[in-house]
Amino acid sequence: MKTITIRDLRQRWPETEAALKVEDEILITRDSKPVAKLVRVVTSADKRPRWDMEEHARWQKKVSGGKKSRSDTALAESRANRVFTGKRK
């Protein structure tokens, strides 16, 4: 286990951080006496997969049999009939 003084920790943080990637833990000392232990945190992978629009579209097509829902049809019609007037302020 590597040891480092509080003063070195403050003044040489980048080096300490790099050492922590190699070591599992670093002992922090003051006046040659241990005062704390710096431990590397291992992040776990995302537990929940991110939402994928294309995968959702495939699922939606499979479930609906390729038919558009009433809400999809209404949205498509309202978007097609939009009239843009003037500039927004």
PDB file of N, CA and C in Angstrom:
ATOM      1  N   MET A   1       0.847  -1.171   0.000  1.00  0.00           N
ATOM      2  CA  MET A   1       0.000   0.000   0.000  1.00  0.00           C
ATOM      3  C   MET A   1       0.895   1.238   0.000  1.00  0.00           C
ATOM      4  N   LYS A   2       0.569   2.157  -0.862  1.00  0.00           N
ATOM      5  CA  LYS A   2       1.342   3.390  -0.984  1.00  0.00           C
ATOM      6  C   LYS A   2       0.906   4.370   0.100  1.00  0.00           C
ATOM      7  N   THR A   3       1.853   5.175   0.589  1.00  0.00           N
ATOM      8  CA  THR A   3       1.529   6.202   1.577  1.00  0.00           C
ATOM      9  C   THR A   3       1.887   7.576   1.010  1.00  0.00           C
ATOM     10  N   ILE A   4       1.156   8.578   1.479  1.00  0.00           N
ATOM     11  CA  ILE A   4       1.387   9.947   1.039  1.00  0.00           C
ATOM     12  C   ILE A   4       1.023  10.881   2.190  1.00  0.00           C
ATOM     13  N   THR A   5       1.739  11.971   2.299  1.00  0.00           N
ATOM     14  CA  THR A   5       1.436  12.935   3.363  1.00  0.00           C
ATOM     15  C   THR A   5       0.287  13.841   2.919  1.00  0.00           C
ATOM     16  N   ILE A   6      -0.353  14.462   3.892  1.00  0.00           N
ATOM     17  CA  ILE A   6      -1.444  15.391   3.580  1.00  0.00           C
ATOM     18  C   ILE A   6      -0.940  16.524   2.693  1.00  0.00           C
ATOM     19  N   ARG A   7       0.249  17.009   2.995  1.00  0.00           N
ATOM     20  CA  ARG A   7       0.817  18.105   2.208  1.00  0.00           C
ATOM     21  C   ARG A   7       1.039  17.688   0.751  1.00  0.00           C
ATOM     22  N   ASP A   8       1.606  16.501   0.550  1.00  0.00           N
ATOM     23  CA  ASP A   8       1.812  16.015  -0.816  1.00  0.00           C
ATOM     24  C   ASP A   8       0.482  15.791  -1.529  1.00  0.00           C
ATOM     25  N   LEU A   9      -0.510  15.339  -0.797  1.00  0.00           N
ATOM     26  CA  LEU A   9      -1.835  15.125  -1.382  1.00  0.00           C
ATOM     27  C   LEU A   9      -2.397  16.438  -1.917  1.00  0.00           C
ATOM     28  N   ARG A  10      -2.271  17.505  -1.143  1.00  0.00           N
ATOM     29  CA  ARG A  10      -2.776  18.813  -1.579  1.00  0.00           C
ATOM     30  C   ARG A  10      -1.974  19.358  -2.755  1.00  0.00           C
ATOM     31  N   GLN A  11      -0.668  19.225  -2.701  1.00  0.00           N
ATOM     32  CA  GLN A  11       0.189  19.841  -3.715  1.00  0.00           C
ATOM     33  C   GLN A  11       0.348  19.000  -4.979  1.00  0.00           C
ATOM     34  N   ARG A  12       0.148  17.711  -4.867  1.00  0.00           N
ATOM     35  CA  ARG A  12       0.371  16.822  -6.005  1.00  0.00           C
ATOM     36  C   ARG A  12      -0.832  15.923  -6.281  1.00  0.00           C
ATOM     37  N   TRP A  13      -1.996  16.523  -6.312  1.00  0.00           N
ATOM     38  CA  TRP A  13      -3.207  15.733  -6.525  1.00  0.00           C
ATOM     39  C   TRP A  13      -3.190  14.960  -7.842  1.00  0.00           C
ATOM     40  N   PRO A  14      -2.797  15.564  -8.976  1.00  0.00           N
ATOM     41  CA  PRO A  14      -2.802  14.786 -10.228  1.00  0.00           C
ATOM     42  C   PRO A  14      -1.942  13.520 -10.159  1.00  0.00           C
ATOM     43  N   GLU A  15      -0.798  13.621  -9.519  1.00  0.00           N
ATOM     44  CA  GLU A  15       0.053  12.437  -9.377  1.00  0.00           C
ATOM     45  C   GLU A  15      -0.603  11.404  -8.468  1.00  0.00           C
ATOM     46  N   THR A  16      -1.247  11.885  -7.424  1.00  0.00           N
ATOM     47  CA  THR A  16      -1.930  10.973  -6.494  1.00  0.00           C
ATOM     48  C   THR A  16      -3.090  10.278  -7.186  1.00  0.00           C
ATOM     49  N   GLU A  17      -3.819  11.037  -7.972  1.00  0.00           N
ATOM     50  CA  GLU A  17      -4.953  10.458  -8.698  1.00  0.00           C
ATOM     51  C   GLU A  17      -4.472   9.389  -9.685  1.00  0.00           C
ATOM     52  N   ALA A  18      -3.366   9.652 -10.358  1.00  0.00           N
ATOM     53  CA  ALA A  18      -2.800   8.664 -11.280  1.00  0.00           C
ATOM     54  C   ALA A  18      -2.340   7.417 -10.527  1.00  0.00           C
ATOM     55  N   ALA A  19      -1.749   7.616  -9.350  1.00  0.00           N
ATOM     56  CA  ALA A  19      -1.302   6.475  -8.542  1.00  0.00           C
ATOM     57  C   ALA A  19      -2.488   5.653  -8.050  1.00  0.00           C
ATOM     58  N   LEU A  20      -3.596   6.319  -7.802  1.00  0.00           N
ATOM     59  CA  LEU A  20      -4.790   5.625  -7.316  1.00  0.00           C
ATOM     60  C   LEU A  20      -5.378   4.712  -8.385  1.00  0.00           C
ATOM     61  N   LYS A  21      -5.121   5.025  -9.654  1.00  0.00           N
ATOM     62  CA  LYS A  21      -5.588   4.142 -10.726  1.00  0.00           C
ATOM     63  C   LYS A  21      -4.822   2.827 -10.729  1.00  0.00           C
ATOM     64  N   VAL A  22      -3.587   2.850 -10.210  1.00  0.00           N
ATOM     65  CA  VAL A  22      -2.762   1.646 -10.148  1.00  0.00           C
ATOM     66  C   VAL A  22      -2.959   0.926  -8.815  1.00  0.00           C
ATOM     67  N   GLU A  23      -2.929   1.685  -7.729  1.00  0.00           N
ATOM     68  CA  GLU A  23      -3.092   1.132  -6.377  1.00  0.00           C
ATOM     69  C   GLU A  23      -4.586   1.039  -6.039  1.00  0.00           C
ATOM     70  N   ASP A  24      -4.944   0.097  -5.187  1.00  0.00           N
ATOM     71  CA  ASP A  24      -6.328  -0.001  -4.725  1.00  0.00           C
ATOM     72  C   ASP A  24      -6.634   1.047  -3.657  1.00  0.00           C
ATOM     73  N   GLU A  25      -5.633   1.329  -2.833  1.00  0.00           N
ATOM     74  CA  GLU A  25      -5.822   2.314  -1.768  1.00  0.00           C
ATOM     75  C   GLU A  25      -4.498   2.988  -1.433  1.00  0.00           C
ATOM     76  N   ILE A  26      -4.605   4.217  -0.933  1.00  0.00           N
ATOM     77  CA  ILE A  26      -3.427   4.994  -0.537  1.00  0.00           C
ATOM     78  C   ILE A  26      -3.642   5.458   0.897  1.00  0.00           C
ATOM     79  N   LEU A  27      -2.641   5.266   1.725  1.00  0.00           N
ATOM     80  CA  LEU A  27      -2.708   5.672   3.125  1.00  0.00           C
ATOM     81  C   LEU A  27      -2.204   7.112   3.246  1.00  0.00           C
ATOM     82  N   ILE A  28      -2.990   7.968   3.873  1.00  0.00           N
ATOM     83  CA  ILE A  28      -2.630   9.370   4.049  1.00  0.00           C
ATOM     84  C   ILE A  28      -2.115   9.552   5.474  1.00  0.00           C
ATOM     85  N   THR A  29      -0.940  10.208   5.579  1.00  0.00           N
ATOM     86  CA  THR A  29      -0.305  10.353   6.895  1.00  0.00           C
ATOM     87  C   THR A  29      -0.087  11.818   7.259  1.00  0.00           C
ATOM     88  N   ARG A  30      -0.028  12.060   8.564  1.00  0.00           N
ATOM     89  CA  ARG A  30       0.366  13.361   9.124  1.00  0.00           C
ATOM     90  C   ARG A  30       1.348  13.057  10.256  1.00  0.00           C
ATOM     91  N   ASP A  31       2.510  13.655  10.186  1.00  0.00           N
ATOM     92  CA  ASP A  31       3.570  13.403  11.171  1.00  0.00           C
ATOM     93  C   ASP A  31       3.874  11.904  11.287  1.00  0.00           C
ATOM     94  N   SER A  32       3.916  11.249  10.154  1.00  0.00           N
ATOM     95  CA  SER A  32       4.216   9.813  10.034  1.00  0.00           C
ATOM     96  C   SER A  32       3.177   8.905  10.682  1.00  0.00           C
ATOM     97  N   LYS A  33       2.015   9.441  11.011  1.00  0.00           N
ATOM     98  CA  LYS A  33       0.937   8.630  11.586  1.00  0.00           C
ATOM     99  C   LYS A  33      -0.237   8.606  10.610  1.00  0.00           C
ATOM    100  N   PRO A  34      -0.818   7.431  10.389  1.00  0.00           N
ATOM    101  CA  PRO A  34      -1.939   7.342   9.446  1.00  0.00           C
ATOM    102  C   PRO A  34      -3.164   8.102   9.969  1.00  0.00           C
ATOM    103  N   VAL A  35      -3.783   8.885   9.072  1.00  0.00           N
ATOM    104  CA  VAL A  35      -4.985   9.632   9.457  1.00  0.00           C
ATOM    105  C   VAL A  35      -6.187   9.295   8.574  1.00  0.00           C
ATOM    106  N   ALA A  36      -5.912   8.806   7.379  1.00  0.00           N
ATOM    107  CA  ALA A  36      -7.017   8.482   6.478  1.00  0.00           C
ATOM    108  C   ALA A  36      -6.556   7.491   5.423  1.00  0.00           C
ATOM    109  N   LYS A  37      -7.538   6.912   4.740  1.00  0.00           N
ATOM    110  CA  LYS A  37      -7.240   5.982   3.669  1.00  0.00           C
ATOM    111  C   LYS A  37      -8.027   6.434   2.441  1.00  0.00           C
ATOM    112  N   LEU A  38      -7.356   6.600   1.328  1.00  0.00           N
ATOM    113  CA  LEU A  38      -7.980   6.990   0.068  1.00  0.00           C
ATOM    114  C   LEU A  38      -8.196   5.722  -0.739  1.00  0.00           C
ATOM    115  N   VAL A  39      -9.448   5.464  -1.092  1.00  0.00           N
ATOM    116  CA  VAL A  39      -9.802   4.214  -1.759  1.00  0.00           C
ATOM    117  C   VAL A  39     -10.385   4.525  -3.133  1.00  0.00           C
ATOM    118  N   ARG A  40      -9.991   3.733  -4.112  1.00  0.00           N
ATOM    119  CA  ARG A  40     -10.507   3.897  -5.467  1.00  0.00           C
ATOM    120  C   ARG A  40     -11.957   3.427  -5.533  1.00  0.00           C
ATOM    121  N   VAL A  41     -12.793   4.194  -6.191  1.00  0.00           N
ATOM    122  CA  VAL A  41     -14.197   3.829  -6.370  1.00  0.00           C
ATOM    123  C   VAL A  41     -14.360   3.253  -7.764  1.00  0.00           C
ATOM    124  N   VAL A  42     -14.917   2.082  -7.825  1.00  0.00           N
ATOM    125  CA  VAL A  42     -15.163   1.437  -9.105  1.00  0.00           C
ATOM    126  C   VAL A  42     -16.626   1.673  -9.458  1.00  0.00           C
ATOM    127  N   THR A  43     -16.844   2.370 -10.568  1.00  0.00           N
ATOM    128  CA  THR A  43     -18.218   2.646 -10.974  1.00  0.00           C
ATOM    129  C   THR A  43     -18.794   1.424 -11.665  1.00  0.00           C
ATOM    130  N   SER A  44     -20.025   1.139 -11.352  1.00  0.00           N
ATOM    131  CA  SER A  44     -20.680  -0.002 -11.984  1.00  0.00           C
ATOM    132  C   SER A  44     -21.325   0.456 -13.287  1.00  0.00           C
ATOM    133  N   ALA A  45     -21.563  -0.484 -14.150  1.00  0.00           N
ATOM    134  CA  ALA A  45     -22.210  -0.176 -15.426  1.00  0.00           C
ATOM    135  C   ALA A  45     -23.650   0.266 -15.168  1.00  0.00           C
ATOM    136  N   ASP A  46     -24.202   0.975 -16.121  1.00  0.00           N
ATOM    137  CA  ASP A  46     -25.587   1.404 -15.988  1.00  0.00           C
ATOM    138  C   ASP A  46     -26.483   0.187 -15.790  1.00  0.00           C
ATOM    139  N   LYS A  47     -27.319   0.251 -14.780  1.00  0.00           N
ATOM    140  CA  LYS A  47     -28.195  -0.872 -14.499  1.00  0.00           C
ATOM    141  C   LYS A  47     -29.357  -0.920 -15.482  1.00  0.00           C
ATOM    142  N   ARG A  48     -29.703   0.251 -15.984  1.00  0.00           N
ATOM    143  CA  ARG A  48     -30.840   0.346 -16.873  1.00  0.00           C
ATOM    144  C   ARG A  48     -30.357   0.783 -18.260  1.00  0.00           C
ATOM    145  N   PRO A  49     -30.708   0.038 -19.297  1.00  0.00           N
ATOM    146  CA  PRO A  49     -30.257   0.442 -20.625  1.00  0.00           C
ATOM    147  C   PRO A  49     -30.928   1.750 -21.047  1.00  0.00           C
ATOM    148  N   ARG A  50     -30.205   2.522 -21.816  1.00  0.00           N
ATOM    149  CA  ARG A  50     -30.751   3.796 -22.299  1.00  0.00           C
ATOM    150  C   ARG A  50     -31.833   3.532 -23.326  1.00  0.00           C
ATOM    151  N   TRP A  51     -32.752   4.479 -23.455  1.00  0.00           N
ATOM    152  CA  TRP A  51     -33.854   4.356 -24.388  1.00  0.00           C
ATOM    153  C   TRP A  51     -33.338   4.499 -25.808  1.00  0.00           C
ATOM    154  N   ASP A  52     -33.721   3.564 -26.674  1.00  0.00           N
ATOM    155  CA  ASP A  52     -33.290   3.581 -28.067  1.00  0.00           C
ATOM    156  C   ASP A  52     -34.506   3.801 -28.951  1.00  0.00           C
ATOM    157  N   MET A  53     -34.526   4.933 -29.655  1.00  0.00           N
ATOM    158  CA  MET A  53     -35.680   5.306 -30.464  1.00  0.00           C
ATOM    159  C   MET A  53     -35.937   4.288 -31.572  1.00  0.00           C
ATOM    160  N   GLU A  54     -34.893   3.819 -32.234  1.00  0.00           N
ATOM    161  CA  GLU A  54     -35.068   2.875 -33.338  1.00  0.00           C
ATOM    162  C   GLU A  54     -35.586   1.530 -32.850  1.00  0.00           C
ATOM    163  N   GLU A  55     -35.078   1.080 -31.717  1.00  0.00           N
ATOM    164  CA  GLU A  55     -35.563  -0.179 -31.146  1.00  0.00           C
ATOM    165  C   GLU A  55     -37.032  -0.055 -30.744  1.00  0.00           C
ATOM    166  N   HIS A  56     -37.390   1.090 -30.195  1.00  0.00           N
ATOM    167  CA  HIS A  56     -38.783   1.328 -29.813  1.00  0.00           C
ATOM    168  C   HIS A  56     -39.688   1.339 -31.049  1.00  0.00           C
ATOM    169  N   ALA A  57     -39.220   1.953 -32.135  1.00  0.00           N
ATOM    170  CA  ALA A  57     -40.012   1.990 -33.371  1.00  0.00           C
ATOM    171  C   ALA A  57     -40.238   0.582 -33.914  1.00  0.00           C
ATOM    172  N   ARG A  58     -39.191  -0.265 -33.837  1.00  0.00           N
ATOM    173  CA  ARG A  58     -39.351  -1.653 -34.285  1.00  0.00           C
ATOM    174  C   ARG A  58     -40.373  -2.386 -33.422  1.00  0.00           C
ATOM    175  N   TRP A  59     -40.309  -2.171 -32.109  1.00  0.00           N
ATOM    176  CA  TRP A  59     -41.252  -2.814 -31.198  1.00  0.00           C
ATOM    177  C   TRP A  59     -42.673  -2.324 -31.484  1.00  0.00           C
ATOM    178  N   GLN A  60     -42.815  -1.013 -31.692  1.00  0.00           N
ATOM    179  CA  GLN A  60     -44.126  -0.433 -31.948  1.00  0.00           C
ATOM    180  C   GLN A  60     -44.726  -1.003 -33.237  1.00  0.00           C
ATOM    181  N   LYS A  61     -43.894  -1.139 -34.263  1.00  0.00           N
ATOM    182  CA  LYS A  61     -44.362  -1.691 -35.544  1.00  0.00           C
ATOM    183  C   LYS A  61     -44.781  -3.147 -35.369  1.00  0.00           C
ATOM    184  N   LYS A  62     -44.021  -3.895 -34.575  1.00  0.00           N
ATOM    185  CA  LYS A  62     -44.330  -5.309 -34.337  1.00  0.00           C
ATOM    186  C   LYS A  62     -45.650  -5.447 -33.587  1.00  0.00           C
ATOM    187  N   VAL A  63     -45.840  -4.619 -32.565  1.00  0.00           N
ATOM    188  CA  VAL A  63     -47.045  -4.711 -31.748  1.00  0.00           C
ATOM    189  C   VAL A  63     -48.287  -4.262 -32.512  1.00  0.00           C
ATOM    190  N   SER A  64     -48.145  -3.183 -33.296  1.00  0.00           N
ATOM    191  CA  SER A  64     -49.314  -2.620 -33.986  1.00  0.00           C
ATOM    192  C   SER A  64     -49.580  -3.299 -35.321  1.00  0.00           C
ATOM    193  N   GLY A  65     -48.694  -4.165 -35.747  1.00  0.00           N
ATOM    194  CA  GLY A  65     -48.885  -4.826 -37.030  1.00  0.00           C
ATOM    195  C   GLY A  65     -48.636  -3.886 -38.199  1.00  0.00           C
ATOM    196  N   GLY A  66     -47.898  -2.804 -37.958  1.00  0.00           N
ATOM    197  CA  GLY A  66     -47.571  -1.855 -39.017  1.00  0.00           C
ATOM    198  C   GLY A  66     -48.622  -0.786 -39.225  1.00  0.00           C
ATOM    199  N   LYS A  67     -49.718  -0.824 -38.448  1.00  0.00           N
ATOM    200  CA  LYS A  67     -50.783   0.175 -38.599  1.00  0.00           C
ATOM    201  C   LYS A  67     -50.455   1.405 -37.762  1.00  0.00           C
ATOM    202  N   LYS A  68     -50.860   2.566 -38.270  1.00  0.00           N
ATOM    203  CA  LYS A  68     -50.669   3.793 -37.506  1.00  0.00           C
ATOM    204  C   LYS A  68     -51.803   3.924 -36.498  1.00  0.00           C
ATOM    205  N   SER A  69     -51.474   4.398 -35.314  1.00  0.00           N
ATOM    206  CA  SER A  69     -52.511   4.590 -34.302  1.00  0.00           C
ATOM    207  C   SER A  69     -53.282   5.868 -34.608  1.00  0.00           C
ATOM    208  N   ARG A  70     -54.420   6.048 -33.937  1.00  0.00           N
ATOM    209  CA  ARG A  70     -55.229   7.245 -34.155  1.00  0.00           C
ATOM    210  C   ARG A  70     -54.457   8.500 -33.776  1.00  0.00           C
ATOM    211  N   SER A  71     -53.693   8.435 -32.719  1.00  0.00           N
ATOM    212  CA  SER A  71     -52.950   9.615 -32.287  1.00  0.00           C
ATOM    213  C   SER A  71     -51.845   9.959 -33.286  1.00  0.00           C
ATOM    214  N   ASP A  72     -51.200   8.940 -33.872  1.00  0.00           N
ATOM    215  CA  ASP A  72     -50.168   9.193 -34.880  1.00  0.00           C
ATOM    216  C   ASP A  72     -50.774   9.855 -36.113  1.00  0.00           C
ATOM    217  N   THR A  73     -51.935   9.392 -36.521  1.00  0.00           N
ATOM    218  CA  THR A  73     -52.605   9.966 -37.691  1.00  0.00           C
ATOM    219  C   THR A  73     -53.008  11.408 -37.423  1.00  0.00           C
ATOM    220  N   ALA A  74     -53.580  11.666 -36.255  1.00  0.00           N
ATOM    221  CA  ALA A  74     -53.999  13.024 -35.902  1.00  0.00           C
ATOM    222  C   ALA A  74     -52.808  13.971 -35.833  1.00  0.00           C
ATOM    223  N   LEU A  75     -51.706  13.520 -35.271  1.00  0.00           N
ATOM    224  CA  LEU A  75     -50.496  14.349 -35.200  1.00  0.00           C
ATOM    225  C   LEU A  75     -49.963  14.655 -36.592  1.00  0.00           C
ATOM    226  N   ALA A  76     -49.923  13.652 -37.447  1.00  0.00           N
ATOM    227  CA  ALA A  76     -49.418  13.848 -38.804  1.00  0.00           C
ATOM    228  C   ALA A  76     -50.284  14.854 -39.558  1.00  0.00           C
ATOM    229  N   GLU A  77     -51.591  14.765 -39.397  1.00  0.00           N
ATOM    230  CA  GLU A  77     -52.496  15.709 -40.074  1.00  0.00           C
ATOM    231  C   GLU A  77     -52.323  17.127 -39.558  1.00  0.00           C
ATOM    232  N   SER A  78     -52.221  17.271 -38.237  1.00  0.00           N
ATOM    233  CA  SER A  78     -52.083  18.621 -37.677  1.00  0.00           C
ATOM    234  C   SER A  78     -50.756  19.256 -38.079  1.00  0.00           C
ATOM    235  N   ARG A  79     -49.733  18.470 -38.199  1.00  0.00           N
ATOM    236  CA  ARG A  79     -48.434  19.003 -38.629  1.00  0.00           C
ATOM    237  C   ARG A  79     -48.456  19.388 -40.101  1.00  0.00           C
ATOM    238  N   ALA A  80     -49.176  18.631 -40.904  1.00  0.00           N
ATOM    239  CA  ALA A  80     -49.246  18.917 -42.339  1.00  0.00           C
ATOM    240  C   ALA A  80     -50.032  20.192 -42.612  1.00  0.00           C
ATOM    241  N   ASN A  81     -51.004  20.500 -41.773  1.00  0.00           N
ATOM    242  CA  ASN A  81     -51.874  21.648 -41.991  1.00  0.00           C
ATOM    243  C   ASN A  81     -51.402  22.923 -41.303  1.00  0.00           C
ATOM    244  N   ARG A  82     -50.211  22.928 -40.749  1.00  0.00           N
ATOM    245  CA  ARG A  82     -49.710  24.109 -40.048  1.00  0.00           C
ATOM    246  C   ARG A  82     -49.441  25.243 -41.024  1.00  0.00           C
ATOM    247  N   VAL A  83     -49.792  26.440 -40.580  1.00  0.00           N
ATOM    248  CA  VAL A  83     -49.505  27.638 -41.362  1.00  0.00           C
ATOM    249  C   VAL A  83     -48.640  28.532 -40.503  1.00  0.00           C
ATOM    250  N   PHE A  84     -47.473  28.879 -41.011  1.00  0.00           N
ATOM    251  CA  PHE A  84     -46.558  29.732 -40.267  1.00  0.00           C
ATOM    252  C   PHE A  84     -46.802  31.177 -40.657  1.00  0.00           C
ATOM    253  N   THR A  85     -47.003  32.010 -39.656  1.00  0.00           N
ATOM    254  CA  THR A  85     -47.251  33.433 -39.924  1.00  0.00           C
ATOM    255  C   THR A  85     -46.250  34.286 -39.166  1.00  0.00           C
ATOM    256  N   GLY A  86     -45.651  35.235 -39.843  1.00  0.00           N
ATOM    257  CA  GLY A  86     -44.801  36.234 -39.215  1.00  0.00           C
ATOM    258  C   GLY A  86     -43.617  35.677 -38.462  1.00  0.00           C
ATOM    259  N   LYS A  87     -42.864  36.588 -37.896  1.00  0.00           N
ATOM    260  CA  LYS A  87     -41.684  36.224 -37.112  1.00  0.00           C
ATOM    261  C   LYS A  87     -42.022  36.238 -35.633  1.00  0.00           C
ATOM    262  N   ARG A  88     -41.380  35.371 -34.895  1.00  0.00           N
ATOM    263  CA  ARG A  88     -41.551  35.365 -33.441  1.00  0.00           C
ATOM    264  C   ARG A  88     -40.676  36.458 -32.842  1.00  0.00           C
ATOM    265  N   LYS A  89     -41.179  37.105 -31.825  1.00  0.00           N
ATOM    266  CA  LYS A  89     -40.417  38.147 -31.168  1.00  0.00           C
ATOM    267  C   LYS A  89     -39.763  37.653 -29.923  1.00  0.00           C
TER     268      LYS A  89
END
